[in-house]
Amino acid sequence: MVMLSNSRQVVIFRLGEEEYGIPILSVQEIIRPQTPTKLPNSPDFIKGIINLRGKVIPIVDLAQRFGITASSDTHQQRFIVVEIQGNTVGVIVDSVSEVLAVSQEQIKPPVENFASFDARYISGILARDERLVILLDIEKIFLEDELLALQEAGAAKEE
């Protein structure tokens, strides 16, 4: 049996037509969607808050955050609960497909030097068969002011 010492596990999910991956160590759990309670004056990508076993967490529409069109089929939709810079956040994805062990050799560096392309939250590209999976750096998905909005959303109903 060969152990891959340089491998890591990645949760693969779909947004629209594309596949993305985040390190499994960033994922607390994957849950079925529930209807979030809307918050006034919050950014459009924050859909509201939910109560997850006594903890209030903000719910973020990742497709809207990235400016892509999500699937209209919500049957497979899931919330991936992640930790982002000390904040517990639920992100809406169209579906979760698998957990994959990935070796460092399989990961290509992100594309850079495109004026209309923001690569700050992409940690790499995984080539699998005929498809590409965009690996996200979950810690860099939100700008500082957006993180502040997430913190405020999470604290809004706990007071």
C-alpha atoms as a PDB file:
ATOM      1  CA  MET A   1       0.000   0.000   0.000  1.00  0.00           C
ATOM      2  CA  VAL A   2       1.399   3.378  -1.028  1.00  0.00           C
ATOM      3  CA  MET A   3       0.686   6.337   1.232  1.00  0.00           C
ATOM      4  CA  LEU A   4       0.671   9.755  -0.385  1.00  0.00           C
ATOM      5  CA  SER A   5       2.370  11.971   2.177  1.00  0.00           C
ATOM      6  CA  ASN A   6       1.806  15.071   0.057  1.00  0.00           C
ATOM      7  CA  SER A   7      -1.890  14.451  -0.568  1.00  0.00           C
ATOM      8  CA  ARG A   8      -4.828  16.319   0.872  1.00  0.00           C
ATOM      9  CA  GLN A   9      -8.557  15.799   0.793  1.00  0.00           C
ATOM     10  CA  VAL A  10     -10.775  18.221  -1.067  1.00  0.00           C
ATOM     11  CA  VAL A  11     -14.567  18.578  -1.043  1.00  0.00           C
ATOM     12  CA  ILE A  12     -15.742  18.919  -4.666  1.00  0.00           C
ATOM     13  CA  PHE A  13     -18.924  20.925  -5.322  1.00  0.00           C
ATOM     14  CA  ARG A  14     -20.728  22.502  -8.249  1.00  0.00           C
ATOM     15  CA  LEU A  15     -21.770  26.097  -8.873  1.00  0.00           C
ATOM     16  CA  GLY A  16     -23.606  26.510 -12.156  1.00  0.00           C
ATOM     17  CA  GLU A  17     -21.654  24.598 -14.813  1.00  0.00           C
ATOM     18  CA  GLU A  18     -18.313  24.593 -12.967  1.00  0.00           C
ATOM     19  CA  GLU A  19     -16.731  22.409 -10.312  1.00  0.00           C
ATOM     20  CA  TYR A  20     -14.872  23.830  -7.338  1.00  0.00           C
ATOM     21  CA  GLY A  21     -12.978  22.357  -4.434  1.00  0.00           C
ATOM     22  CA  ILE A  22     -12.101  23.417  -0.903  1.00  0.00           C
ATOM     23  CA  PRO A  23      -9.859  21.653   1.610  1.00  0.00           C
ATOM     24  CA  ILE A  24     -11.840  19.276   3.794  1.00  0.00           C
ATOM     25  CA  LEU A  25     -10.055  20.716   6.831  1.00  0.00           C
ATOM     26  CA  SER A  26     -11.964  23.982   6.230  1.00  0.00           C
ATOM     27  CA  VAL A  27     -15.332  22.182   6.221  1.00  0.00           C
ATOM     28  CA  GLN A  28     -17.193  21.701   9.496  1.00  0.00           C
ATOM     29  CA  GLU A  29     -20.200  19.971   7.963  1.00  0.00           C
ATOM     30  CA  ILE A  30     -22.498  19.802   4.944  1.00  0.00           C
ATOM     31  CA  ILE A  31     -26.203  20.306   5.611  1.00  0.00           C
ATOM     32  CA  ARG A  32     -29.467  20.436   3.715  1.00  0.00           C
ATOM     33  CA  PRO A  33     -30.632  23.992   3.035  1.00  0.00           C
ATOM     34  CA  GLN A  34     -33.059  25.782   5.289  1.00  0.00           C
ATOM     35  CA  THR A  35     -34.673  29.160   4.748  1.00  0.00           C
ATOM     36  CA  PRO A  36     -32.438  31.899   6.163  1.00  0.00           C
ATOM     37  CA  THR A  37     -33.848  34.830   8.124  1.00  0.00           C
ATOM     38  CA  LYS A  38     -33.154  37.949   6.073  1.00  0.00           C
ATOM     39  CA  LEU A  39     -31.111  40.784   7.550  1.00  0.00           C
ATOM     40  CA  PRO A  40     -31.716  44.421   6.620  1.00  0.00           C
ATOM     41  CA  ASN A  41     -28.927  46.392   4.937  1.00  0.00           C
ATOM     42  CA  SER A  42     -26.672  43.386   4.365  1.00  0.00           C
ATOM     43  CA  PRO A  43     -24.721  42.785   1.143  1.00  0.00           C
ATOM     44  CA  ASP A  44     -26.690  40.995  -1.594  1.00  0.00           C
ATOM     45  CA  PHE A  45     -24.592  37.823  -1.352  1.00  0.00           C
ATOM     46  CA  ILE A  46     -25.508  37.381   2.352  1.00  0.00           C
ATOM     47  CA  LYS A  47     -28.860  35.603   2.159  1.00  0.00           C
ATOM     48  CA  GLY A  48     -29.526  35.833   5.884  1.00  0.00           C
ATOM     49  CA  ILE A  49     -28.834  33.836   9.019  1.00  0.00           C
ATOM     50  CA  ILE A  50     -29.810  30.407  10.312  1.00  0.00           C
ATOM     51  CA  ASN A  51     -29.759  28.767  13.728  1.00  0.00           C
ATOM     52  CA  LEU A  52     -27.480  25.738  13.539  1.00  0.00           C
ATOM     53  CA  ARG A  53     -27.833  23.834  16.819  1.00  0.00           C
ATOM     54  CA  GLY A  54     -27.931  27.006  18.885  1.00  0.00           C
ATOM     55  CA  LYS A  55     -25.306  28.932  16.909  1.00  0.00           C
ATOM     56  CA  VAL A  56     -26.390  31.740  14.583  1.00  0.00           C
ATOM     57  CA  ILE A  57     -24.447  31.670  11.316  1.00  0.00           C
ATOM     58  CA  PRO A  58     -24.658  33.816   8.176  1.00  0.00           C
ATOM     59  CA  ILE A  59     -25.525  32.130   4.880  1.00  0.00           C
ATOM     60  CA  VAL A  60     -23.649  33.262   1.765  1.00  0.00           C
ATOM     61  CA  ASP A  61     -24.676  32.637  -1.842  1.00  0.00           C
ATOM     62  CA  LEU A  62     -21.289  31.677  -3.314  1.00  0.00           C
ATOM     63  CA  ALA A  63     -22.538  31.837  -6.918  1.00  0.00           C
ATOM     64  CA  GLN A  64     -23.737  35.401  -6.387  1.00  0.00           C
ATOM     65  CA  ARG A  65     -20.474  36.280  -4.613  1.00  0.00           C
ATOM     66  CA  PHE A  66     -18.567  35.051  -7.688  1.00  0.00           C
ATOM     67  CA  GLY A  67     -20.984  36.696 -10.138  1.00  0.00           C
ATOM     68  CA  ILE A  68     -22.049  33.432 -11.787  1.00  0.00           C
ATOM     69  CA  THR A  69     -25.472  31.974 -12.438  1.00  0.00           C
ATOM     70  CA  ALA A  70     -26.391  29.185 -10.044  1.00  0.00           C
ATOM     71  CA  SER A  71     -28.377  26.175 -11.158  1.00  0.00           C
ATOM     72  CA  SER A  72     -32.127  26.656 -11.156  1.00  0.00           C
ATOM     73  CA  ASP A  73     -32.494  23.097  -9.803  1.00  0.00           C
ATOM     74  CA  THR A  74     -32.369  23.468  -6.030  1.00  0.00           C
ATOM     75  CA  HIS A  75     -33.031  19.768  -5.340  1.00  0.00           C
ATOM     76  CA  GLN A  76     -29.325  18.977  -4.838  1.00  0.00           C
ATOM     77  CA  GLN A  77     -28.459  22.310  -3.181  1.00  0.00           C
ATOM     78  CA  ARG A  78     -26.441  22.153   0.054  1.00  0.00           C
ATOM     79  CA  PHE A  79     -24.974  24.494   2.659  1.00  0.00           C
ATOM     80  CA  ILE A  80     -21.281  23.854   3.315  1.00  0.00           C
ATOM     81  CA  VAL A  81     -20.478  25.113   6.811  1.00  0.00           C
ATOM     82  CA  VAL A  82     -16.918  26.457   6.890  1.00  0.00           C
ATOM     83  CA  GLU A  83     -14.648  28.428   9.183  1.00  0.00           C
ATOM     84  CA  ILE A  84     -13.347  31.640   7.592  1.00  0.00           C
ATOM     85  CA  GLN A  85     -10.909  33.637   9.700  1.00  0.00           C
ATOM     86  CA  GLY A  86     -12.628  32.655  12.927  1.00  0.00           C
ATOM     87  CA  ASN A  87     -16.168  33.065  11.562  1.00  0.00           C
ATOM     88  CA  THR A  88     -18.513  30.128  11.019  1.00  0.00           C
ATOM     89  CA  VAL A  89     -20.301  30.674   7.705  1.00  0.00           C
ATOM     90  CA  GLY A  90     -22.656  28.582   5.580  1.00  0.00           C
ATOM     91  CA  VAL A  91     -22.059  28.792   1.834  1.00  0.00           C
ATOM     92  CA  ILE A  92     -24.758  27.817  -0.646  1.00  0.00           C
ATOM     93  CA  VAL A  93     -23.613  25.467  -3.414  1.00  0.00           C
ATOM     94  CA  ASP A  94     -25.627  23.774  -6.165  1.00  0.00           C
ATOM     95  CA  SER A  95     -24.460  20.273  -5.182  1.00  0.00           C
ATOM     96  CA  VAL A  96     -21.660  18.433  -3.411  1.00  0.00           C
ATOM     97  CA  SER A  97     -20.288  15.562  -5.486  1.00  0.00           C
ATOM     98  CA  GLU A  98     -17.372  13.930  -3.669  1.00  0.00           C
ATOM     99  CA  VAL A  99     -14.415  14.078  -1.327  1.00  0.00           C
ATOM    100  CA  LEU A 100     -11.220  13.513  -3.245  1.00  0.00           C
ATOM    101  CA  ALA A 101      -7.629  12.770  -2.214  1.00  0.00           C
ATOM    102  CA  VAL A 102      -5.410  15.031  -4.303  1.00  0.00           C
ATOM    103  CA  SER A 103      -1.627  14.975  -4.583  1.00  0.00           C
ATOM    104  CA  GLN A 104       0.337  18.188  -5.001  1.00  0.00           C
ATOM    105  CA  GLU A 105       1.510  17.026  -8.458  1.00  0.00           C
ATOM    106  CA  GLN A 106      -2.102  17.062  -9.709  1.00  0.00           C
ATOM    107  CA  ILE A 107      -2.542  20.753  -8.858  1.00  0.00           C
ATOM    108  CA  LYS A 108      -1.540  23.402 -11.372  1.00  0.00           C
ATOM    109  CA  PRO A 109      -0.958  27.032 -10.349  1.00  0.00           C
ATOM    110  CA  PRO A 110      -3.856  29.457 -10.906  1.00  0.00           C
ATOM    111  CA  VAL A 111      -3.970  31.509 -14.089  1.00  0.00           C
ATOM    112  CA  GLU A 112      -2.601  34.993 -13.505  1.00  0.00           C
ATOM    113  CA  ASN A 113      -2.184  38.234 -15.446  1.00  0.00           C
ATOM    114  CA  PHE A 114      -5.737  38.441 -16.776  1.00  0.00           C
ATOM    115  CA  ALA A 115      -7.094  41.943 -16.294  1.00  0.00           C
ATOM    116  CA  SER A 116     -10.719  40.823 -15.961  1.00  0.00           C
ATOM    117  CA  PHE A 117      -9.970  37.796 -13.791  1.00  0.00           C
ATOM    118  CA  ASP A 118      -9.525  37.887 -10.010  1.00  0.00           C
ATOM    119  CA  ALA A 119      -7.324  34.956  -8.957  1.00  0.00           C
ATOM    120  CA  ARG A 120      -6.794  35.995  -5.326  1.00  0.00           C
ATOM    121  CA  TYR A 121      -9.101  33.279  -3.985  1.00  0.00           C
ATOM    122  CA  ILE A 122      -7.917  30.485  -6.279  1.00  0.00           C
ATOM    123  CA  SER A 123      -5.225  28.233  -4.812  1.00  0.00           C
ATOM    124  CA  GLY A 124      -4.860  26.026  -7.879  1.00  0.00           C
ATOM    125  CA  ILE A 125      -6.446  24.122 -10.757  1.00  0.00           C
ATOM    126  CA  LEU A 126      -6.982  20.388 -10.595  1.00  0.00           C
ATOM    127  CA  ALA A 127      -7.081  18.544 -13.929  1.00  0.00           C
ATOM    128  CA  ARG A 128      -9.299  15.461 -13.662  1.00  0.00           C
ATOM    129  CA  ASP A 129      -9.994  13.368 -16.740  1.00  0.00           C
ATOM    130  CA  GLU A 130     -11.601  15.820 -19.174  1.00  0.00           C
ATOM    131  CA  ARG A 131     -12.594  18.409 -16.583  1.00  0.00           C
ATOM    132  CA  LEU A 132     -10.967  21.127 -14.521  1.00  0.00           C
ATOM    133  CA  VAL A 133     -11.743  21.756 -10.853  1.00  0.00           C
ATOM    134  CA  ILE A 134     -11.007  25.219  -9.451  1.00  0.00           C
ATOM    135  CA  LEU A 135      -9.486  24.903  -5.980  1.00  0.00           C
ATOM    136  CA  LEU A 136     -10.494  27.781  -3.725  1.00  0.00           C
ATOM    137  CA  ASP A 137      -8.626  29.394  -0.859  1.00  0.00           C
ATOM    138  CA  ILE A 138     -11.643  29.740   1.423  1.00  0.00           C
ATOM    139  CA  GLU A 139      -9.795  32.246   3.650  1.00  0.00           C
ATOM    140  CA  LYS A 140      -9.463  34.719   0.742  1.00  0.00           C
ATOM    141  CA  ILE A 141     -12.961  34.554  -0.752  1.00  0.00           C
ATOM    142  CA  PHE A 142     -14.132  37.645   1.106  1.00  0.00           C
ATOM    143  CA  LEU A 143     -12.618  41.119   1.278  1.00  0.00           C
ATOM    144  CA  GLU A 144     -12.073  42.706   4.698  1.00  0.00           C
ATOM    145  CA  ASP A 145     -15.287  44.748   4.586  1.00  0.00           C
ATOM    146  CA  GLU A 146     -17.231  41.645   3.525  1.00  0.00           C
ATOM    147  CA  LEU A 147     -15.764  39.692   6.466  1.00  0.00           C
ATOM    148  CA  LEU A 148     -16.885  42.489   8.763  1.00  0.00           C
ATOM    149  CA  ALA A 149     -20.405  42.205   7.293  1.00  0.00           C
ATOM    150  CA  LEU A 150     -20.316  38.435   7.934  1.00  0.00           C
ATOM    151  CA  GLN A 151     -19.232  38.987  11.549  1.00  0.00           C
ATOM    152  CA  GLU A 152     -22.015  41.508  12.035  1.00  0.00           C
ATOM    153  CA  ALA A 153     -24.545  39.125  10.464  1.00  0.00           C
ATOM    154  CA  GLY A 154     -23.488  36.327  12.802  1.00  0.00           C
ATOM    155  CA  ALA A 155     -23.666  38.621  15.831  1.00  0.00           C
ATOM    156  CA  ALA A 156     -26.930  40.328  14.803  1.00  0.00           C
ATOM    157  CA  LYS A 157     -29.313  37.822  16.367  1.00  0.00           C
ATOM    158  CA  GLU A 158     -27.078  36.532  19.171  1.00  0.00           C
ATOM    159  CA  GLU A 159     -27.333  39.743  21.205  1.00  0.00           C
END
